[in-house]
Amino acid sequence: MSLRVLLVNIAKKLGIYKKMVDIDTYFKNRKKFKQFHKYGVETFVLMDNICRKAGAQLLPIFGTQLGFYRDHGFIPHDNDIDTAMLFSQRPDNLVDIMAENGFKIETSYYIKGENKPLIEQYSRKGVHIDIFYLFDYNDVDWFCYVVERHESTDWREANRTNGFPCHIWPLAKCNFTEKEYFGHNFFMPEKTEEWLKGVFGANFMTPIKNWTLDKEKEPTRVIHTKQRLYRIQY
């Protein structure tokens, strides 16, 4: 048993594991916030140009899309970039292409037994960019997976046992158009408002710091599932 696993087990027995994780996450997010607001724009522009050159359309999603639509930039308290891409457009050598341009792949999530990434996270200059891949859901919707922290243990133990909880988010199929932010044209879905209502609810234009999903208070299109995801840490 490694020292890390031993410490995790002790923390669980003492009932302080979740608190320790929250404290660690807080300090990591502070560091991410500084790097994000220093290099976020140039990193997103560079990644968009890379994907265009590779024949893929990259567009903001979730909080990044909300910031573009509502705040005409990044949400002030955000610390990473959420993007989406049709999985059918993903180049097979995307990891290599990104590495050639200074990006490092950090993590990816997958379904056990299926050899395809559902979510990937890249980093450059301390800025983290998540790619949520879009898959066909039905004739009118795509969907993407969103992964959650394990209910009670660290990621290594989660990978060894029952994986991570997740849910899926249907998103209306539509064309993508280009809109200018930060002096650069980014792809945005023509049904941006419909996407945002499906993610954040009808009151998405009202800023809420530290927003969390609460379907009882604010109906969204999220679908909770018993499917579990597993993580590759690079």
C-alpha atoms as a PDB file:
ATOM      1  CA  MET A   1       0.000   0.000   0.000  1.00  0.00           C
ATOM      2  CA  SER A   2       1.382   3.390  -1.023  1.00  0.00           C
ATOM      3  CA  LEU A   3       1.733   6.271   1.415  1.00  0.00           C
ATOM      4  CA  ARG A   4      -0.947   8.213  -0.473  1.00  0.00           C
ATOM      5  CA  VAL A   5      -3.485   5.397  -0.182  1.00  0.00           C
ATOM      6  CA  LEU A   6      -2.650   5.024   3.504  1.00  0.00           C
ATOM      7  CA  LEU A   7      -3.236   8.739   4.135  1.00  0.00           C
ATOM      8  CA  VAL A   8      -6.507   8.652   2.188  1.00  0.00           C
ATOM      9  CA  ASN A   9      -7.729   5.712   4.260  1.00  0.00           C
ATOM     10  CA  ILE A  10      -6.789   7.464   7.501  1.00  0.00           C
ATOM     11  CA  ALA A  11      -8.570  10.650   6.395  1.00  0.00           C
ATOM     12  CA  LYS A  12     -11.703   8.650   5.581  1.00  0.00           C
ATOM     13  CA  LYS A  13     -11.686   6.969   8.971  1.00  0.00           C
ATOM     14  CA  LEU A  14     -11.338  10.367  10.649  1.00  0.00           C
ATOM     15  CA  GLY A  15     -14.171  11.763   8.530  1.00  0.00           C
ATOM     16  CA  ILE A  16     -12.028  14.564   7.063  1.00  0.00           C
ATOM     17  CA  TYR A  17     -11.327  13.248   3.555  1.00  0.00           C
ATOM     18  CA  LYS A  18     -13.889  15.454   1.785  1.00  0.00           C
ATOM     19  CA  LYS A  19     -12.675  18.523   3.684  1.00  0.00           C
ATOM     20  CA  MET A  20      -9.068  17.800   2.683  1.00  0.00           C
ATOM     21  CA  VAL A  21     -10.105  17.432  -0.970  1.00  0.00           C
ATOM     22  CA  ASP A  22     -12.028  20.723  -0.813  1.00  0.00           C
ATOM     23  CA  ILE A  23      -8.997  22.554   0.626  1.00  0.00           C
ATOM     24  CA  ASP A  24      -6.670  21.062  -2.002  1.00  0.00           C
ATOM     25  CA  THR A  25      -9.129  22.002  -4.758  1.00  0.00           C
ATOM     26  CA  TYR A  26      -9.384  25.571  -3.434  1.00  0.00           C
ATOM     27  CA  PHE A  27      -5.635  26.206  -3.660  1.00  0.00           C
ATOM     28  CA  LYS A  28      -5.367  24.536  -7.074  1.00  0.00           C
ATOM     29  CA  ASN A  29      -8.201  26.707  -8.360  1.00  0.00           C
ATOM     30  CA  ARG A  30      -6.504  29.880  -7.086  1.00  0.00           C
ATOM     31  CA  LYS A  31      -3.427  29.041  -9.118  1.00  0.00           C
ATOM     32  CA  LYS A  32      -5.530  28.143 -12.165  1.00  0.00           C
ATOM     33  CA  PHE A  33      -7.408  31.445 -11.870  1.00  0.00           C
ATOM     34  CA  LYS A  34      -4.207  33.491 -12.134  1.00  0.00           C
ATOM     35  CA  GLN A  35      -2.907  31.571 -15.145  1.00  0.00           C
ATOM     36  CA  PHE A  36      -6.304  31.567 -16.809  1.00  0.00           C
ATOM     37  CA  HIS A  37      -6.724  35.331 -16.714  1.00  0.00           C
ATOM     38  CA  LYS A  38      -3.164  35.829 -17.923  1.00  0.00           C
ATOM     39  CA  TYR A  39      -3.063  33.329 -20.784  1.00  0.00           C
ATOM     40  CA  GLY A  40      -6.669  32.207 -21.321  1.00  0.00           C
ATOM     41  CA  VAL A  41      -7.456  34.250 -24.417  1.00  0.00           C
ATOM     42  CA  GLU A  42      -4.269  33.448 -26.324  1.00  0.00           C
ATOM     43  CA  THR A  43      -4.583  29.773 -25.408  1.00  0.00           C
ATOM     44  CA  PHE A  44      -8.175  29.525 -26.626  1.00  0.00           C
ATOM     45  CA  VAL A  45      -7.392  31.392 -29.857  1.00  0.00           C
ATOM     46  CA  LEU A  46      -4.415  29.126 -30.520  1.00  0.00           C
ATOM     47  CA  MET A  47      -6.419  25.976 -29.872  1.00  0.00           C
ATOM     48  CA  ASP A  48      -9.219  27.186 -32.130  1.00  0.00           C
ATOM     49  CA  ASN A  49      -6.745  27.841 -34.951  1.00  0.00           C
ATOM     50  CA  ILE A  50      -5.179  24.398 -34.474  1.00  0.00           C
ATOM     51  CA  CYS A  51      -8.562  22.674 -34.692  1.00  0.00           C
ATOM     52  CA  ARG A  52      -9.595  24.660 -37.758  1.00  0.00           C
ATOM     53  CA  LYS A  53      -6.391  23.659 -39.519  1.00  0.00           C
ATOM     54  CA  ALA A  54      -7.128  20.014 -38.642  1.00  0.00           C
ATOM     55  CA  GLY A  55     -10.654  20.287 -40.060  1.00  0.00           C
ATOM     56  CA  ALA A  56     -12.523  20.394 -36.738  1.00  0.00           C
ATOM     57  CA  GLN A  57     -14.902  23.021 -35.366  1.00  0.00           C
ATOM     58  CA  LEU A  58     -14.237  23.907 -31.734  1.00  0.00           C
ATOM     59  CA  LEU A  59     -16.831  25.909 -29.862  1.00  0.00           C
ATOM     60  CA  PRO A  60     -17.342  27.113 -26.303  1.00  0.00           C
ATOM     61  CA  ILE A  61     -19.781  25.186 -24.106  1.00  0.00           C
ATOM     62  CA  PHE A  62     -21.126  25.366 -20.548  1.00  0.00           C
ATOM     63  CA  GLY A  63     -19.648  28.245 -18.526  1.00  0.00           C
ATOM     64  CA  THR A  64     -17.405  29.455 -21.351  1.00  0.00           C
ATOM     65  CA  GLN A  65     -20.344  29.647 -23.743  1.00  0.00           C
ATOM     66  CA  LEU A  66     -22.410  31.422 -21.097  1.00  0.00           C
ATOM     67  CA  GLY A  67     -19.628  33.981 -20.611  1.00  0.00           C
ATOM     68  CA  PHE A  68     -19.377  34.648 -24.338  1.00  0.00           C
ATOM     69  CA  TYR A  69     -23.137  35.034 -24.786  1.00  0.00           C
ATOM     70  CA  ARG A  70     -24.013  36.932 -21.604  1.00  0.00           C
ATOM     71  CA  ASP A  71     -20.812  38.726 -20.595  1.00  0.00           C
ATOM     72  CA  HIS A  72     -19.173  39.017 -24.052  1.00  0.00           C
ATOM     73  CA  GLY A  73     -16.034  37.358 -22.687  1.00  0.00           C
ATOM     74  CA  PHE A  74     -15.069  35.008 -19.900  1.00  0.00           C
ATOM     75  CA  ILE A  75     -17.106  34.848 -16.697  1.00  0.00           C
ATOM     76  CA  PRO A  76     -15.078  36.953 -14.191  1.00  0.00           C
ATOM     77  CA  HIS A  77     -14.673  34.125 -11.652  1.00  0.00           C
ATOM     78  CA  ASP A  78     -14.033  31.347 -14.187  1.00  0.00           C
ATOM     79  CA  ASN A  79     -10.686  29.504 -14.191  1.00  0.00           C
ATOM     80  CA  ASP A  80     -10.777  27.140 -17.167  1.00  0.00           C
ATOM     81  CA  ILE A  81     -12.182  26.797 -20.675  1.00  0.00           C
ATOM     82  CA  ASP A  82     -14.974  24.413 -21.661  1.00  0.00           C
ATOM     83  CA  THR A  83     -15.216  23.494 -25.327  1.00  0.00           C
ATOM     84  CA  ALA A  84     -17.165  21.061 -27.472  1.00  0.00           C
ATOM     85  CA  MET A  85     -16.372  19.251 -30.689  1.00  0.00           C
ATOM     86  CA  LEU A  86     -18.281  16.744 -32.793  1.00  0.00           C
ATOM     87  CA  PHE A  87     -16.538  13.439 -32.142  1.00  0.00           C
ATOM     88  CA  SER A  88     -16.862  12.668 -35.853  1.00  0.00           C
ATOM     89  CA  GLN A  89     -14.535  15.633 -36.529  1.00  0.00           C
ATOM     90  CA  ARG A  90     -11.871  14.659 -33.987  1.00  0.00           C
ATOM     91  CA  PRO A  91      -8.559  13.913 -35.755  1.00  0.00           C
ATOM     92  CA  ASP A  92      -7.143  10.520 -34.781  1.00  0.00           C
ATOM     93  CA  ASN A  93      -3.800  12.199 -34.050  1.00  0.00           C
ATOM     94  CA  LEU A  94      -5.241  15.141 -32.085  1.00  0.00           C
ATOM     95  CA  VAL A  95      -3.016  14.489 -29.058  1.00  0.00           C
ATOM     96  CA  ASP A  96       0.089  14.668 -31.280  1.00  0.00           C
ATOM     97  CA  ILE A  97      -1.147  17.784 -33.069  1.00  0.00           C
ATOM     98  CA  MET A  98      -1.757  19.512 -29.763  1.00  0.00           C
ATOM     99  CA  ALA A  99       1.659  18.488 -28.422  1.00  0.00           C
ATOM    100  CA  GLU A 100       3.354  19.966 -31.492  1.00  0.00           C
ATOM    101  CA  ASN A 101       1.742  23.294 -30.574  1.00  0.00           C
ATOM    102  CA  GLY A 102       2.684  23.349 -26.888  1.00  0.00           C
ATOM    103  CA  PHE A 103      -0.381  21.662 -25.389  1.00  0.00           C
ATOM    104  CA  LYS A 104      -0.125  18.744 -22.980  1.00  0.00           C
ATOM    105  CA  ILE A 105      -2.929  16.259 -22.564  1.00  0.00           C
ATOM    106  CA  GLU A 106      -3.732  15.900 -18.871  1.00  0.00           C
ATOM    107  CA  THR A 107      -6.670  13.515 -18.586  1.00  0.00           C
ATOM    108  CA  SER A 108      -9.295  11.732 -20.615  1.00  0.00           C
ATOM    109  CA  TYR A 109     -12.461   9.881 -19.623  1.00  0.00           C
ATOM    110  CA  TYR A 110     -13.891   6.804 -21.263  1.00  0.00           C
ATOM    111  CA  ILE A 111     -16.395   3.981 -20.819  1.00  0.00           C
ATOM    112  CA  LYS A 112     -14.733   0.735 -19.839  1.00  0.00           C
ATOM    113  CA  GLY A 113     -14.493  -1.533 -22.862  1.00  0.00           C
ATOM    114  CA  GLU A 114     -14.859   1.302 -25.378  1.00  0.00           C
ATOM    115  CA  ASN A 115     -11.739   2.694 -27.014  1.00  0.00           C
ATOM    116  CA  LYS A 116     -12.712   6.332 -27.459  1.00  0.00           C
ATOM    117  CA  PRO A 117     -12.332   9.481 -25.359  1.00  0.00           C
ATOM    118  CA  LEU A 118     -15.551  11.137 -24.195  1.00  0.00           C
ATOM    119  CA  ILE A 119     -13.877  14.091 -22.480  1.00  0.00           C
ATOM    120  CA  GLU A 120     -10.273  15.269 -22.799  1.00  0.00           C
ATOM    121  CA  GLN A 121      -8.402  17.943 -20.881  1.00  0.00           C
ATOM    122  CA  TYR A 122      -5.381  19.761 -22.295  1.00  0.00           C
ATOM    123  CA  SER A 123      -3.186  22.405 -20.704  1.00  0.00           C
ATOM    124  CA  ARG A 124      -0.874  25.171 -21.883  1.00  0.00           C
ATOM    125  CA  LYS A 125       0.866  27.749 -19.679  1.00  0.00           C
ATOM    126  CA  GLY A 126      -1.244  26.596 -16.749  1.00  0.00           C
ATOM    127  CA  VAL A 127      -4.538  27.099 -18.611  1.00  0.00           C
ATOM    128  CA  HIS A 128      -6.793  24.037 -18.714  1.00  0.00           C
ATOM    129  CA  ILE A 129      -9.119  23.389 -21.651  1.00  0.00           C
ATOM    130  CA  ASP A 130     -11.715  20.616 -21.573  1.00  0.00           C
ATOM    131  CA  ILE A 131     -13.118  19.151 -24.787  1.00  0.00           C
ATOM    132  CA  PHE A 132     -16.560  17.562 -24.383  1.00  0.00           C
ATOM    133  CA  TYR A 133     -17.212  15.413 -27.421  1.00  0.00           C
ATOM    134  CA  LEU A 134     -20.657  15.528 -29.017  1.00  0.00           C
ATOM    135  CA  PHE A 135     -22.323  12.279 -30.104  1.00  0.00           C
ATOM    136  CA  ASP A 136     -25.632  11.578 -31.845  1.00  0.00           C
ATOM    137  CA  TYR A 137     -28.488  11.196 -29.359  1.00  0.00           C
ATOM    138  CA  ASN A 138     -31.431  11.173 -31.755  1.00  0.00           C
ATOM    139  CA  ASP A 139     -32.515  12.947 -34.939  1.00  0.00           C
ATOM    140  CA  VAL A 140     -32.681  16.378 -33.284  1.00  0.00           C
ATOM    141  CA  ASP A 141     -30.084  16.247 -30.506  1.00  0.00           C
ATOM    142  CA  TRP A 142     -26.449  15.574 -29.818  1.00  0.00           C
ATOM    143  CA  PHE A 143     -25.274  14.763 -26.317  1.00  0.00           C
ATOM    144  CA  CYS A 144     -22.087  14.943 -24.279  1.00  0.00           C
ATOM    145  CA  TYR A 145     -20.946  13.335 -21.052  1.00  0.00           C
ATOM    146  CA  VAL A 146     -20.172  15.339 -17.928  1.00  0.00           C
ATOM    147  CA  VAL A 147     -18.188  13.581 -15.210  1.00  0.00           C
ATOM    148  CA  GLU A 148     -18.472  14.195 -11.479  1.00  0.00           C
ATOM    149  CA  ARG A 149     -16.068  13.709  -8.595  1.00  0.00           C
ATOM    150  CA  HIS A 150     -16.268  10.240  -7.049  1.00  0.00           C
ATOM    151  CA  GLU A 151     -18.683  10.039  -4.153  1.00  0.00           C
ATOM    152  CA  SER A 152     -16.134   9.036  -1.547  1.00  0.00           C
ATOM    153  CA  THR A 153     -12.626   8.279  -2.781  1.00  0.00           C
ATOM    154  CA  ASP A 154      -9.735   9.590  -4.884  1.00  0.00           C
ATOM    155  CA  TRP A 155      -9.446   9.017  -8.620  1.00  0.00           C
ATOM    156  CA  ARG A 156      -6.965   6.160  -8.381  1.00  0.00           C
ATOM    157  CA  GLU A 157      -9.258   4.109  -6.184  1.00  0.00           C
ATOM    158  CA  ALA A 158     -12.234   5.112  -8.326  1.00  0.00           C
ATOM    159  CA  ASN A 159     -10.464   3.792 -11.427  1.00  0.00           C
ATOM    160  CA  ARG A 160      -9.641   0.561  -9.623  1.00  0.00           C
ATOM    161  CA  THR A 161     -13.206   0.005  -8.464  1.00  0.00           C
ATOM    162  CA  ASN A 162     -16.456   1.446  -9.783  1.00  0.00           C
ATOM    163  CA  GLY A 163     -15.377   4.533 -11.753  1.00  0.00           C
ATOM    164  CA  PHE A 164     -16.873   8.027 -11.666  1.00  0.00           C
ATOM    165  CA  PRO A 165     -20.513   9.111 -11.659  1.00  0.00           C
ATOM    166  CA  CYS A 166     -21.623  11.045 -14.709  1.00  0.00           C
ATOM    167  CA  HIS A 167     -24.637  12.435 -16.497  1.00  0.00           C
ATOM    168  CA  ILE A 168     -25.379  13.260 -20.105  1.00  0.00           C
ATOM    169  CA  TRP A 169     -26.547  16.545 -21.578  1.00  0.00           C
ATOM    170  CA  PRO A 170     -28.639  16.592 -24.769  1.00  0.00           C
ATOM    171  CA  LEU A 171     -27.941  19.629 -26.972  1.00  0.00           C
ATOM    172  CA  ALA A 172     -30.032  20.655 -29.973  1.00  0.00           C
ATOM    173  CA  LYS A 173     -28.447  19.904 -33.332  1.00  0.00           C
ATOM    174  CA  CYS A 174     -27.827  23.034 -35.362  1.00  0.00           C
ATOM    175  CA  ASN A 175     -25.330  24.796 -37.571  1.00  0.00           C
ATOM    176  CA  PHE A 176     -22.382  26.674 -36.118  1.00  0.00           C
ATOM    177  CA  THR A 177     -21.804  30.324 -36.987  1.00  0.00           C
ATOM    178  CA  GLU A 178     -18.813  32.556 -36.316  1.00  0.00           C
ATOM    179  CA  LYS A 179     -18.991  35.387 -33.790  1.00  0.00           C
ATOM    180  CA  GLU A 180     -16.215  37.722 -32.722  1.00  0.00           C
ATOM    181  CA  TYR A 181     -14.866  37.727 -29.156  1.00  0.00           C
ATOM    182  CA  PHE A 182     -11.479  39.062 -28.079  1.00  0.00           C
ATOM    183  CA  GLY A 183     -10.860  40.145 -31.677  1.00  0.00           C
ATOM    184  CA  HIS A 184     -11.134  36.538 -32.935  1.00  0.00           C
ATOM    185  CA  ASN A 185     -13.962  34.679 -34.637  1.00  0.00           C
ATOM    186  CA  PHE A 186     -15.116  31.657 -32.629  1.00  0.00           C
ATOM    187  CA  PHE A 187     -17.731  29.106 -33.605  1.00  0.00           C
ATOM    188  CA  MET A 188     -21.042  29.344 -31.713  1.00  0.00           C
ATOM    189  CA  PRO A 189     -24.167  27.199 -32.125  1.00  0.00           C
ATOM    190  CA  GLU A 190     -27.046  28.917 -33.904  1.00  0.00           C
ATOM    191  CA  LYS A 191     -29.242  27.674 -31.045  1.00  0.00           C
ATOM    192  CA  THR A 192     -26.987  29.111 -28.330  1.00  0.00           C
ATOM    193  CA  GLU A 193     -29.876  30.331 -26.191  1.00  0.00           C
ATOM    194  CA  GLU A 194     -31.561  26.918 -26.352  1.00  0.00           C
ATOM    195  CA  TRP A 195     -28.299  25.235 -25.347  1.00  0.00           C
ATOM    196  CA  LEU A 196     -27.837  27.588 -22.387  1.00  0.00           C
ATOM    197  CA  LYS A 197     -31.408  27.097 -21.162  1.00  0.00           C
ATOM    198  CA  GLY A 198     -30.884  23.348 -21.348  1.00  0.00           C
ATOM    199  CA  VAL A 199     -27.719  23.592 -19.267  1.00  0.00           C
ATOM    200  CA  PHE A 200     -28.402  26.400 -16.777  1.00  0.00           C
ATOM    201  CA  GLY A 201     -32.183  26.770 -16.866  1.00  0.00           C
ATOM    202  CA  ALA A 202     -34.402  29.607 -18.025  1.00  0.00           C
ATOM    203  CA  ASN A 203     -32.692  32.176 -15.771  1.00  0.00           C
ATOM    204  CA  PHE A 204     -29.231  31.689 -17.278  1.00  0.00           C
ATOM    205  CA  MET A 205     -28.848  35.440 -17.849  1.00  0.00           C
ATOM    206  CA  THR A 206     -28.783  36.035 -14.077  1.00  0.00           C
ATOM    207  CA  PRO A 207     -25.182  35.676 -12.791  1.00  0.00           C
ATOM    208  CA  ILE A 208     -24.813  33.099  -9.995  1.00  0.00           C
ATOM    209  CA  LYS A 209     -21.340  32.646  -8.542  1.00  0.00           C
ATOM    210  CA  ASN A 210     -20.416  29.025  -7.762  1.00  0.00           C
ATOM    211  CA  TRP A 211     -23.421  27.755  -9.726  1.00  0.00           C
ATOM    212  CA  THR A 212     -24.246  24.094  -9.122  1.00  0.00           C
ATOM    213  CA  LEU A 213     -26.722  21.821 -10.836  1.00  0.00           C
ATOM    214  CA  ASP A 214     -30.038  21.694  -8.948  1.00  0.00           C
ATOM    215  CA  LYS A 215     -32.687  20.300 -11.238  1.00  0.00           C
ATOM    216  CA  GLU A 216     -35.380  20.652  -8.594  1.00  0.00           C
ATOM    217  CA  LYS A 217     -34.925  24.435  -8.417  1.00  0.00           C
ATOM    218  CA  GLU A 218     -34.046  25.110 -12.054  1.00  0.00           C
ATOM    219  CA  PRO A 219     -35.183  22.528 -14.656  1.00  0.00           C
ATOM    220  CA  THR A 220     -32.540  21.660 -17.230  1.00  0.00           C
ATOM    221  CA  ARG A 221     -32.079  18.974 -19.876  1.00  0.00           C
ATOM    222  CA  VAL A 222     -29.536  16.987 -17.883  1.00  0.00           C
ATOM    223  CA  ILE A 223     -30.115  13.237 -17.786  1.00  0.00           C
ATOM    224  CA  HIS A 224     -28.722  11.392 -14.793  1.00  0.00           C
ATOM    225  CA  THR A 225     -27.407   7.950 -15.622  1.00  0.00           C
ATOM    226  CA  LYS A 226     -25.983   4.910 -13.852  1.00  0.00           C
ATOM    227  CA  GLN A 227     -23.192   4.778 -16.430  1.00  0.00           C
ATOM    228  CA  ARG A 228     -19.713   5.115 -14.884  1.00  0.00           C
ATOM    229  CA  LEU A 229     -16.678   6.669 -16.535  1.00  0.00           C
ATOM    230  CA  TYR A 230     -13.007   5.858 -16.047  1.00  0.00           C
ATOM    231  CA  ARG A 231     -10.039   8.172 -16.211  1.00  0.00           C
ATOM    232  CA  ILE A 232      -6.635   8.121 -17.873  1.00  0.00           C
ATOM    233  CA  GLN A 233      -4.105  10.415 -16.213  1.00  0.00           C
ATOM    234  CA  TYR A 234      -1.174  11.244 -18.497  1.00  0.00           C
END
